[in-house]
Amino acid sequence: MRSEQSHFATIAGQYAAFRPSYDPKLLRDLVALTGHQTLPAPIIALDVAAGSGQATMHLAEYAQTVFASDLAPNQIASMPHHPRIHRYVARAETSGLPDHSVDLITVAQAMHWFDVDAFHREVHRILKPNGIIAVWTYALLSGTPALTDIINQIYLHTTPWWPADRVHVDNHYANLAFPYRRIDFTPPPMIMQYTLEQLLGYLRTWSGVQRYQKDQGHDPVALFVDAFTAAWPHAPTNPTPFTFDVTILVGTPRA
């Protein structure tokens, strides 16, 4: 099995504060694919690499039992408490759950860090024959043309410091194995309203930015603050919308 990858354990607080959340409709629609219309549905769901709970908290609105695993104890500790969520530390490839016990598995912005083949073996072990797996990723965000250009500049500036597996995000998971019968699924748009301070906080959670700062000794995002301030369409304390480019894969092990 590949060595563990944990790029966000040291910034759990920033991750919880600035990472984008998901439209609750996304999780509601995924739960509906299990065939239950009464909510919260009487199912067992597992949110893998749950981080600080951006997807988990919504999932718990629609599923009666939710397990949330993450490799980083700090991430799990930063997740808000919820009576239907059972939080625990585990690798994605070794969930510790019983065979064929899970109705729905979700993975938000994380599968590219896994030992993918080992993860799929674990999915086939724990997912019910008619269960659902959904994995999604989001690439760079976009705002106004001027703000989008600055974001792209930061990404290019920090490119040498990004982990190699980030390429799968840029490729929209096109080259990652997904050995399930595909289910057509269109996610709702992923849009966040950020003030300038919140946008800078989000950009500083990028793994490439974290690695750059550790290697170079300074914050690369700070180099672009003046440009962002000049390009902000109104007062920097007023939120402006940013859209994330989402790719989602949904499937079932049944033939």
Protein backbone atom coordinates (compact mmCIF):
# COMPACT_ATOMS: atom_id res chain seq x y z
CA MET A 1 0.00 0.00 0.00
CA ARG A 2 1.22 3.51 -0.77
CA SER A 3 2.53 5.64 2.07
CA GLU A 4 0.01 7.84 3.80
CA GLN A 5 -0.60 11.35 2.46
CA SER A 6 -1.86 14.01 4.84
CA HIS A 7 -1.39 17.54 3.51
CA PHE A 8 -3.75 19.46 5.79
CA ALA A 9 -3.29 18.12 9.33
CA THR A 10 -1.32 21.20 10.45
CA ILE A 11 -3.92 23.69 9.18
CA ALA A 12 -7.13 22.07 10.38
CA GLY A 13 -8.44 25.37 11.73
CA GLN A 14 -7.83 27.22 8.47
CA TYR A 15 -9.29 24.31 6.53
CA ALA A 16 -12.49 24.41 8.57
CA ALA A 17 -12.76 28.19 8.28
CA PHE A 18 -12.03 28.75 4.60
CA ARG A 19 -12.55 25.58 2.56
CA PRO A 20 -15.75 25.72 0.49
CA SER A 21 -18.88 24.00 1.71
CA TYR A 22 -21.23 22.02 -0.51
CA ASP A 23 -24.79 22.66 -1.56
CA PRO A 24 -26.95 20.51 0.74
CA LYS A 25 -28.89 19.42 -2.36
CA LEU A 26 -25.81 17.49 -3.50
CA LEU A 27 -25.87 15.25 -0.43
CA ARG A 28 -29.66 14.98 -0.42
CA ASP A 29 -29.68 13.81 -4.03
CA LEU A 30 -26.94 11.25 -3.36
CA VAL A 31 -28.88 9.84 -0.41
CA ALA A 32 -31.97 9.61 -2.65
CA LEU A 33 -30.01 7.34 -5.01
CA THR A 34 -30.07 4.67 -2.28
CA GLY A 35 -33.83 4.38 -2.87
CA HIS A 36 -35.03 6.01 0.33
CA GLN A 37 -37.30 9.03 0.08
CA THR A 38 -38.01 9.50 3.78
CA LEU A 39 -35.39 11.71 5.40
CA PRO A 40 -33.27 11.16 7.30
CA ALA A 41 -33.00 7.91 5.37
CA PRO A 42 -32.47 4.68 7.35
CA ILE A 43 -29.04 4.08 5.82
CA ILE A 44 -25.42 3.86 6.86
CA ALA A 45 -23.17 6.36 5.07
CA LEU A 46 -19.40 6.76 5.19
CA ASP A 47 -17.68 10.03 4.35
CA VAL A 48 -14.06 9.14 3.62
CA ALA A 49 -11.29 11.70 4.20
CA ALA A 50 -13.97 13.84 5.79
CA GLY A 51 -11.62 16.60 6.88
CA SER A 52 -13.44 19.10 9.08
CA GLY A 53 -16.84 17.99 7.82
CA GLN A 54 -17.70 20.18 4.82
CA ALA A 55 -19.68 17.31 3.28
CA THR A 56 -20.25 15.25 6.41
CA MET A 57 -22.43 17.80 8.18
CA HIS A 58 -24.85 17.98 5.24
CA LEU A 59 -24.81 14.20 4.85
CA ALA A 60 -25.94 13.87 8.46
CA GLU A 61 -29.05 15.91 7.65
CA TYR A 62 -30.24 13.17 5.28
CA ALA A 63 -28.80 9.88 6.60
CA GLN A 64 -29.55 8.35 9.98
CA THR A 65 -26.04 6.98 10.57
CA VAL A 66 -22.89 8.64 9.24
CA PHE A 67 -19.32 7.49 9.78
CA ALA A 68 -16.67 10.13 9.10
CA SER A 69 -13.06 9.00 8.77
CA ASP A 70 -9.89 10.97 8.19
CA LEU A 71 -6.19 10.26 8.42
CA ALA A 72 -5.53 13.43 10.45
CA PRO A 73 -6.72 13.54 14.08
CA ASN A 74 -6.65 17.36 14.00
CA GLN A 75 -9.09 17.40 11.11
CA ILE A 76 -11.51 15.03 12.83
CA ALA A 77 -11.25 17.06 16.05
CA SER A 78 -12.21 20.25 14.19
CA MET A 79 -15.47 18.73 12.89
CA PRO A 80 -18.57 19.97 14.76
CA HIS A 81 -20.33 17.39 16.89
CA HIS A 82 -23.55 15.90 15.54
CA PRO A 83 -25.62 13.11 17.12
CA ARG A 84 -25.72 11.08 13.89
CA ILE A 85 -22.00 11.39 13.08
CA HIS A 86 -19.43 8.87 14.33
CA ARG A 87 -15.98 10.40 13.82
CA TYR A 88 -12.81 8.35 13.81
CA VAL A 89 -9.24 8.29 12.51
CA ALA A 90 -8.52 5.81 9.71
CA ARG A 91 -6.92 5.50 6.31
CA ALA A 92 -9.26 5.56 3.36
CA GLU A 93 -8.02 2.11 2.37
CA THR A 94 -8.75 0.51 5.78
CA SER A 95 -12.11 1.75 7.05
CA GLY A 96 -12.53 -0.85 9.78
CA LEU A 97 -16.23 -1.24 8.96
CA PRO A 98 -17.91 -4.66 8.48
CA ASP A 99 -18.27 -6.36 5.10
CA HIS A 100 -21.18 -5.12 2.97
CA SER A 101 -22.47 -2.82 5.70
CA VAL A 102 -22.52 0.60 3.99
CA ASP A 103 -25.25 2.04 1.75
CA LEU A 104 -23.45 5.20 0.59
CA ILE A 105 -19.78 6.18 0.41
CA THR A 106 -18.78 9.77 -0.34
CA VAL A 107 -15.33 11.22 -0.99
CA ALA A 108 -15.02 14.97 -1.39
CA GLN A 109 -11.84 16.42 -2.89
CA ALA A 110 -9.61 13.61 -1.67
CA MET A 111 -9.48 10.44 -3.78
CA HIS A 112 -6.41 11.66 -5.67
CA TRP A 113 -4.42 11.37 -2.42
CA PHE A 114 -5.35 7.69 -1.88
CA ASP A 115 -3.79 4.41 -2.86
CA VAL A 116 -6.62 4.21 -5.37
CA ASP A 117 -6.53 0.47 -6.09
CA ALA A 118 -6.44 -0.39 -2.37
CA PHE A 119 -9.28 2.06 -1.74
CA HIS A 120 -11.48 0.43 -4.37
CA ARG A 121 -10.82 -2.99 -2.87
CA GLU A 122 -12.02 -1.60 0.45
CA VAL A 123 -15.11 -0.08 -1.19
CA HIS A 124 -16.05 -3.42 -2.73
CA ARG A 125 -15.59 -5.04 0.68
CA ILE A 126 -17.76 -2.67 2.74
CA LEU A 127 -20.33 -1.37 0.24
CA LYS A 128 -23.61 -3.23 -0.08
CA PRO A 129 -24.22 -4.83 -3.52
CA ASN A 130 -26.80 -2.16 -4.33
CA GLY A 131 -24.89 0.62 -2.57
CA ILE A 132 -23.73 3.92 -4.03
CA ILE A 133 -20.27 5.48 -4.19
CA ALA A 134 -19.80 9.14 -5.11
CA VAL A 135 -16.44 10.89 -5.42
CA TRP A 136 -15.97 14.45 -6.51
CA THR A 137 -13.28 17.03 -6.96
CA TYR A 138 -13.12 20.72 -7.71
CA ALA A 139 -10.41 22.43 -9.70
CA LEU A 140 -9.48 26.10 -9.65
CA LEU A 141 -12.14 28.62 -8.72
CA SER A 142 -13.09 31.54 -10.92
CA GLY A 143 -14.50 34.98 -10.24
CA THR A 144 -14.35 38.09 -12.37
CA PRO A 145 -11.84 37.81 -15.24
CA ALA A 146 -9.34 39.96 -13.35
CA LEU A 147 -9.62 37.96 -10.11
CA THR A 148 -9.48 34.65 -12.01
CA ASP A 149 -6.26 35.77 -13.69
CA ILE A 150 -4.61 36.47 -10.34
CA ILE A 151 -5.72 33.10 -8.94
CA ASN A 152 -4.21 31.38 -11.99
CA GLN A 153 -0.98 33.34 -11.48
CA ILE A 154 -0.71 32.06 -7.90
CA TYR A 155 -1.31 28.52 -9.08
CA LEU A 156 1.41 28.80 -11.74
CA HIS A 157 3.77 30.50 -9.28
CA THR A 158 3.44 27.59 -6.82
CA THR A 159 3.19 24.75 -9.37
CA PRO A 160 6.60 23.17 -8.55
CA TRP A 161 5.52 22.72 -4.93
CA TRP A 162 2.23 20.91 -5.56
CA PRO A 163 2.17 17.17 -4.79
CA ALA A 164 2.31 15.07 -7.95
CA ASP A 165 -1.18 13.64 -7.45
CA ARG A 166 -2.69 17.10 -7.88
CA VAL A 167 -2.52 16.40 -11.63
CA HIS A 168 -5.63 14.23 -11.23
CA VAL A 169 -7.63 17.26 -10.10
CA ASP A 170 -6.47 19.26 -13.13
CA ASN A 171 -7.43 16.27 -15.32
CA HIS A 172 -10.90 16.09 -13.71
CA TYR A 173 -10.20 12.53 -12.48
CA ALA A 174 -10.11 11.30 -16.08
CA ASN A 175 -7.15 9.00 -15.37
CA LEU A 176 -8.21 7.65 -11.98
CA ALA A 177 -9.76 4.19 -11.82
CA PHE A 178 -13.47 4.06 -10.99
CA PRO A 179 -14.46 0.37 -11.31
CA TYR A 180 -18.23 0.67 -10.88
CA ARG A 181 -21.28 0.85 -13.07
CA ARG A 182 -21.62 4.56 -13.71
CA ILE A 183 -24.75 6.47 -12.77
CA ASP A 184 -25.49 9.73 -14.54
CA PHE A 185 -25.52 12.52 -12.01
CA THR A 186 -25.34 16.31 -12.39
CA PRO A 187 -24.26 18.12 -9.22
CA PRO A 188 -25.63 21.55 -8.34
CA PRO A 189 -23.31 24.47 -9.05
CA MET A 190 -20.65 25.04 -6.42
CA ILE A 191 -20.53 28.76 -5.65
CA MET A 192 -18.96 30.49 -2.66
CA GLN A 193 -19.23 34.09 -1.54
CA TYR A 194 -15.82 35.25 -0.32
CA THR A 195 -14.59 38.53 1.09
CA LEU A 196 -11.00 39.28 0.15
CA GLU A 197 -9.82 38.07 3.55
CA GLN A 198 -11.74 34.81 3.15
CA LEU A 199 -10.39 34.26 -0.37
CA LEU A 200 -6.82 34.76 0.84
CA GLY A 201 -7.52 32.34 3.70
CA TYR A 202 -8.77 29.73 1.24
CA LEU A 203 -5.78 30.13 -1.09
CA ARG A 204 -3.45 29.66 1.88
CA THR A 205 -4.98 26.21 2.50
CA TRP A 206 -3.72 24.98 -0.89
CA SER A 207 -1.21 22.18 -0.39
CA GLY A 208 1.11 23.77 -2.95
CA VAL A 209 1.03 27.08 -1.08
CA GLN A 210 1.74 25.33 2.24
CA ARG A 211 4.70 23.47 0.76
CA TYR A 212 6.03 26.63 -0.95
CA GLN A 213 5.90 28.54 2.32
CA LYS A 214 7.70 25.78 4.21
CA ASP A 215 10.41 25.56 1.51
CA GLN A 216 10.85 29.24 0.68
CA GLY A 217 10.16 30.77 4.08
CA HIS A 218 7.50 33.23 2.98
CA ASP A 219 3.84 33.28 2.02
CA PRO A 220 3.38 33.31 -1.78
CA VAL A 221 -0.21 34.55 -1.49
CA ALA A 222 1.04 37.75 0.17
CA LEU A 223 2.80 38.65 -3.08
CA PHE A 224 -0.60 39.08 -4.76
CA VAL A 225 -2.60 40.93 -2.09
CA ASP A 226 -2.19 44.34 -3.73
CA ALA A 227 -3.29 42.94 -7.09
CA PHE A 228 -6.37 41.36 -5.50
CA THR A 229 -7.22 44.59 -3.70
CA ALA A 230 -7.01 46.58 -6.92
CA ALA A 231 -9.09 44.04 -8.85
CA TRP A 232 -11.80 43.52 -6.20
CA PRO A 233 -15.08 44.72 -7.76
CA HIS A 234 -16.17 46.63 -4.63
CA ALA A 235 -15.04 47.05 -1.02
CA PRO A 236 -12.82 44.07 -0.07
CA THR A 237 -15.02 43.44 2.97
CA ASN A 238 -18.02 42.82 0.71
CA PRO A 239 -18.35 39.22 -0.53
CA THR A 240 -18.07 38.43 -4.21
CA PRO A 241 -19.08 35.11 -5.86
CA PHE A 242 -16.59 32.47 -6.96
CA THR A 243 -17.48 29.34 -8.91
CA PHE A 244 -15.65 26.04 -8.49
CA ASP A 245 -15.29 23.65 -11.43
CA VAL A 246 -16.72 20.36 -10.10
CA THR A 247 -16.28 16.83 -11.45
CA ILE A 248 -18.31 14.03 -9.85
CA LEU A 249 -18.23 10.26 -10.41
CA VAL A 250 -21.15 8.21 -9.12
CA GLY A 251 -21.52 4.45 -9.39
CA THR A 252 -22.68 1.16 -7.91
CA PRO A 253 -21.00 -2.25 -7.71
CA ARG A 254 -24.15 -4.02 -8.96
CA ALA A 255 -24.01 -5.42 -12.50
